[in-house]
Amino acid sequence: MPLPIDLWLIHPEERMCDAFRSRFEGLPRVTVIQSRFEDLPPHDCFVTAANAFGIMNAGIDAAVIHFHGEDLMRRIQYRIMDTYLGEQPIGTSFIEPTGNPQYPFVAHSPTMRVPGSISGTDKVYAATWASLLAVYQHNVSSEDKIDSVVFPAMGAGFGGVPYLEVARQMAVAYRHYLDPPHRMDWDMVIGRQKAICYDGKQQVVN
């Protein structure tokens, strides 16, 4: 069963925050915060909407490194080289300690191999799902629990994904986290695939 976490969804623009509120309506333990990364209060884990190579010199990744220091980026890149032979696949995530007890962890979760459009794909879902799994696996195996997880708008910047679609895919991933299947069959698979790829009756993910 999933372990409870507090989910913070952040973005500096009101339109993205409104999209979060709309798509996450009714889901438990969700807080939408109109904020930049630099202005966030203490939290346990920040999810970086990264590239596959851990080059964190643009967008919100640059803000994370400016805050925590370049040694964090070097450690993330070493883990990518050691674990993934230099390229971290989309749909994977790992937890890296920051050394700051008020902001102790980041989750490195690529939404794209290199900066570019991911509109019309399920990569926002894949990166969000991978992040939630990484936090879950950390909490199962570690005494130093992650209780609060902060997500930016995954894929809304360089990825070019529309705000409502970003929020929709992220909300689907959180719903799947909260309600894992109790059996594996094609009915479950089809239902999950439709949830990821369709907005109502309209297919939005190719």
Protein backbone atom coordinates (compact mmCIF):
# COMPACT_ATOMS: atom_id res chain seq x y z
CA MET A 1 0.00 0.00 0.00
CA PRO A 2 1.21 3.57 -0.63
CA LEU A 3 2.63 5.50 2.27
CA PRO A 4 0.96 8.89 2.90
CA ILE A 5 2.85 11.96 1.74
CA ASP A 6 2.06 15.66 1.59
CA LEU A 7 2.19 16.80 -2.03
CA TRP A 8 3.08 20.43 -2.76
CA LEU A 9 2.54 21.69 -6.31
CA ILE A 10 4.36 24.91 -7.11
CA HIS A 11 4.57 27.41 -9.94
CA PRO A 12 5.02 31.18 -10.06
CA GLU A 13 2.10 31.72 -12.48
CA GLU A 14 -1.54 31.79 -11.39
CA ARG A 15 -2.72 29.99 -14.56
CA MET A 16 -0.61 26.94 -13.78
CA CYS A 17 -1.75 26.98 -10.15
CA ASP A 18 -5.37 27.14 -11.32
CA ALA A 19 -4.71 24.12 -13.55
CA PHE A 20 -3.28 22.24 -10.56
CA ARG A 21 -6.33 23.12 -8.46
CA SER A 22 -8.70 21.98 -11.20
CA ARG A 23 -7.04 18.65 -11.97
CA PHE A 24 -6.12 17.70 -8.38
CA GLU A 25 -9.51 18.64 -6.94
CA GLY A 26 -10.63 16.12 -4.34
CA LEU A 27 -7.25 14.39 -4.01
CA PRO A 28 -5.92 14.19 -0.45
CA ARG A 29 -2.97 16.00 1.11
CA VAL A 30 -2.36 18.30 -1.88
CA THR A 31 -1.31 21.93 -1.48
CA VAL A 32 -0.96 24.31 -4.43
CA ILE A 33 1.54 27.11 -3.85
CA GLN A 34 2.11 30.04 -6.19
CA SER A 35 5.83 30.40 -5.59
CA ARG A 36 9.30 30.21 -7.02
CA PHE A 37 11.60 27.47 -5.77
CA GLU A 38 13.76 30.04 -3.96
CA ASP A 39 10.83 31.20 -1.82
CA LEU A 40 9.63 27.80 -0.60
CA PRO A 41 9.56 27.00 3.11
CA PRO A 42 11.47 23.94 4.39
CA HIS A 43 10.38 20.61 2.89
CA ASP A 44 11.71 17.07 2.67
CA CYS A 45 12.15 16.47 -1.07
CA PHE A 46 12.09 18.61 -4.19
CA VAL A 47 11.53 16.91 -7.55
CA THR A 48 13.72 18.20 -10.37
CA ALA A 49 12.09 18.08 -13.81
CA ALA A 50 15.42 17.23 -15.32
CA ASN A 51 17.17 16.06 -18.48
CA ALA A 52 18.68 12.59 -18.82
CA PHE A 53 22.27 13.74 -18.29
CA GLY A 54 22.00 15.72 -15.06
CA ILE A 55 23.10 18.99 -16.64
CA MET A 56 21.34 21.37 -14.31
CA ASN A 57 22.22 24.83 -15.60
CA ALA A 58 18.85 26.12 -16.83
CA GLY A 59 15.30 26.59 -15.61
CA ILE A 60 14.29 25.39 -12.18
CA ASP A 61 17.25 22.97 -12.06
CA ALA A 62 19.58 25.97 -12.10
CA ALA A 63 17.70 27.45 -9.14
CA VAL A 64 18.08 24.15 -7.25
CA ILE A 65 21.83 24.08 -7.86
CA HIS A 66 22.24 27.77 -7.02
CA PHE A 67 20.52 27.03 -3.69
CA HIS A 68 22.28 23.76 -2.81
CA GLY A 69 25.63 24.21 -4.57
CA GLU A 70 27.30 22.67 -7.61
CA ASP A 71 28.49 19.63 -5.68
CA LEU A 72 24.89 18.38 -5.76
CA MET A 73 24.92 18.44 -9.57
CA ARG A 74 28.26 16.61 -9.63
CA ARG A 75 26.94 13.89 -7.34
CA ILE A 76 23.81 13.50 -9.47
CA GLN A 77 25.93 13.23 -12.63
CA TYR A 78 28.20 10.63 -11.01
CA ARG A 79 25.13 8.57 -10.08
CA ILE A 80 23.86 8.79 -13.65
CA MET A 81 27.25 7.63 -14.95
CA ASP A 82 27.52 4.81 -12.41
CA THR A 83 23.91 3.57 -12.42
CA TYR A 84 22.74 4.35 -15.96
CA LEU A 85 26.06 4.38 -17.87
CA GLY A 86 25.71 8.08 -18.57
CA GLU A 87 22.07 8.50 -19.58
CA GLN A 88 19.16 8.23 -17.14
CA PRO A 89 16.03 6.90 -18.87
CA ILE A 90 12.77 8.83 -18.82
CA GLY A 91 10.53 7.07 -16.33
CA THR A 92 13.24 6.63 -13.69
CA SER A 93 13.99 8.70 -10.61
CA PHE A 94 16.44 8.57 -7.74
CA ILE A 95 16.69 10.31 -4.40
CA GLU A 96 19.85 12.28 -3.66
CA PRO A 97 20.64 13.83 -0.24
CA THR A 98 21.42 17.54 -0.30
CA GLY A 99 23.27 17.83 3.00
CA ASN A 100 20.83 20.54 4.13
CA PRO A 101 18.68 19.26 7.02
CA GLN A 102 15.88 21.74 6.26
CA TYR A 103 15.70 20.61 2.60
CA PRO A 104 17.27 17.15 2.87
CA PHE A 105 16.52 15.48 -0.49
CA VAL A 106 15.98 16.02 -4.18
CA ALA A 107 14.50 13.51 -6.61
CA HIS A 108 16.19 13.61 -10.01
CA SER A 109 13.44 12.76 -12.49
CA PRO A 110 14.03 13.40 -16.20
CA THR A 111 11.07 14.50 -18.30
CA MET A 112 13.21 14.58 -21.47
CA ARG A 113 16.55 13.38 -22.82
CA VAL A 114 17.57 16.89 -23.88
CA PRO A 115 15.61 20.16 -23.73
CA GLY A 116 12.81 20.16 -26.30
CA SER A 117 9.09 19.66 -26.75
CA ILE A 118 7.45 16.65 -25.10
CA SER A 119 3.91 17.80 -25.89
CA GLY A 120 1.65 14.97 -27.03
CA THR A 121 3.60 12.35 -25.05
CA ASP A 122 3.09 10.67 -21.67
CA LYS A 123 6.49 11.82 -20.34
CA VAL A 124 4.98 14.12 -17.72
CA TYR A 125 3.09 11.14 -16.32
CA ALA A 126 6.16 8.89 -16.54
CA ALA A 127 8.41 11.33 -14.70
CA THR A 128 5.80 12.06 -12.02
CA TRP A 129 5.07 8.37 -11.50
CA ALA A 130 8.79 7.58 -11.27
CA SER A 131 9.23 10.32 -8.68
CA LEU A 132 6.40 9.01 -6.52
CA LEU A 133 7.84 5.50 -6.74
CA ALA A 134 11.30 6.75 -5.77
CA VAL A 135 9.86 8.47 -2.70
CA TYR A 136 7.82 5.37 -1.84
CA GLN A 137 10.84 3.07 -2.14
CA HIS A 138 12.95 5.47 -0.08
CA ASN A 139 10.34 5.54 2.68
CA VAL A 140 10.02 1.76 2.72
CA SER A 141 13.78 1.26 3.10
CA SER A 142 14.97 4.29 5.09
CA GLU A 143 14.41 5.50 8.64
CA ASP A 144 14.80 9.10 7.43
CA LYS A 145 11.32 9.45 5.92
CA ILE A 146 10.18 11.86 3.24
CA ASP A 147 6.87 13.36 4.34
CA SER A 148 6.59 16.46 2.11
CA VAL A 149 7.32 16.26 -1.63
CA VAL A 150 7.41 19.37 -3.82
CA PHE A 151 6.66 19.07 -7.53
CA PRO A 152 7.12 21.83 -10.09
CA ALA A 153 5.00 21.83 -13.25
CA MET A 154 6.68 18.89 -14.98
CA GLY A 155 7.25 19.59 -18.68
CA ALA A 156 5.67 23.05 -18.68
CA GLY A 157 8.89 24.94 -19.44
CA PHE A 158 11.26 23.65 -22.13
CA GLY A 159 8.88 20.71 -22.62
CA GLY A 160 6.14 22.97 -23.98
CA VAL A 161 3.28 20.93 -22.50
CA PRO A 162 0.09 23.00 -21.96
CA TYR A 163 -0.65 23.78 -18.33
CA LEU A 164 -3.89 21.82 -18.10
CA GLU A 165 -2.25 18.77 -19.65
CA VAL A 166 0.72 19.00 -17.29
CA ALA A 167 -1.66 19.06 -14.34
CA ARG A 168 -3.82 16.26 -15.80
CA GLN A 169 -0.92 13.82 -16.27
CA MET A 170 0.54 14.65 -12.87
CA ALA A 171 -2.84 14.12 -11.21
CA VAL A 172 -3.28 10.76 -12.96
CA ALA A 173 0.10 9.64 -11.59
CA TYR A 174 -0.90 10.69 -8.07
CA ARG A 175 -4.25 8.88 -8.38
CA HIS A 176 -2.43 5.73 -9.44
CA TYR A 177 -0.08 6.13 -6.47
CA LEU A 178 -3.00 6.43 -4.07
CA ASP A 179 -4.92 3.48 -5.53
CA PRO A 180 -2.56 0.72 -6.70
CA PRO A 181 -4.11 -2.34 -8.37
CA HIS A 182 -4.90 -5.46 -6.39
CA ARG A 183 -4.65 -7.71 -9.43
CA MET A 184 -2.87 -7.58 -12.78
CA ASP A 185 -5.15 -8.14 -15.76
CA TRP A 186 -5.99 -6.45 -19.05
CA ASP A 187 -9.02 -4.63 -17.66
CA MET A 188 -6.72 -2.86 -15.19
CA VAL A 189 -4.14 -2.14 -17.90
CA ILE A 190 -6.75 -0.71 -20.31
CA GLY A 191 -8.24 1.47 -17.60
CA ARG A 192 -4.83 2.83 -16.66
CA GLN A 193 -3.86 3.42 -20.29
CA LYS A 194 -7.07 5.36 -20.94
CA ALA A 195 -6.52 7.46 -17.83
CA ILE A 196 -3.03 8.39 -19.02
CA CYS A 197 -3.77 8.97 -22.69
CA TYR A 198 -7.29 10.42 -22.77
CA ASP A 199 -8.80 13.60 -21.40
CA GLY A 200 -12.43 12.57 -21.24
CA LYS A 201 -13.13 11.05 -24.67
CA GLN A 202 -10.37 13.00 -26.43
CA GLN A 203 -7.02 11.29 -26.97
CA VAL A 204 -4.30 13.76 -26.01
CA VAL A 205 -1.28 11.44 -25.75
CA ASN A 206 -0.12 9.68 -28.91
